[in-house]
């Protein structure tokens, strides 16, 4: 016997923030919520660096680095300690703990990737393959 089961293979993250830098902070908060569980492990901090060709690809690279840490270090991020943006380069310190991330993201895609200012609000969209 077999059965086809519909499976959503991606989630789409929409971020809205008051500033350019806040988009990256909000994306971290969203990712932390996605992978967080109640279990608490050893507290750790990671320095994260990323580069992109523009704001949108930098945001994708930022999330990709967080996915990498979750997969390879069982790192569950909790908060942003420091964020330095210099054009299309990012350097950050992220605090969290070791644990078992709830949902590992397979990849950050470039499909439908967006990052733009709309009036006084910054908006971004990233699709994650889960």
Foldseek 3Di string as FASTA:
>chain_A
DDDDDDDDFKDKDKDKDQDLVVSLQVLLQVQLVQFDDPDFAAKDKDKDKAFDPASQRLSQRSVQRVLVCCVPVVWRFDGWPDWDDDGRMIITMTITGHDHTPDRFPGKDPVPWDWDDDVSMIMTMTMTGD
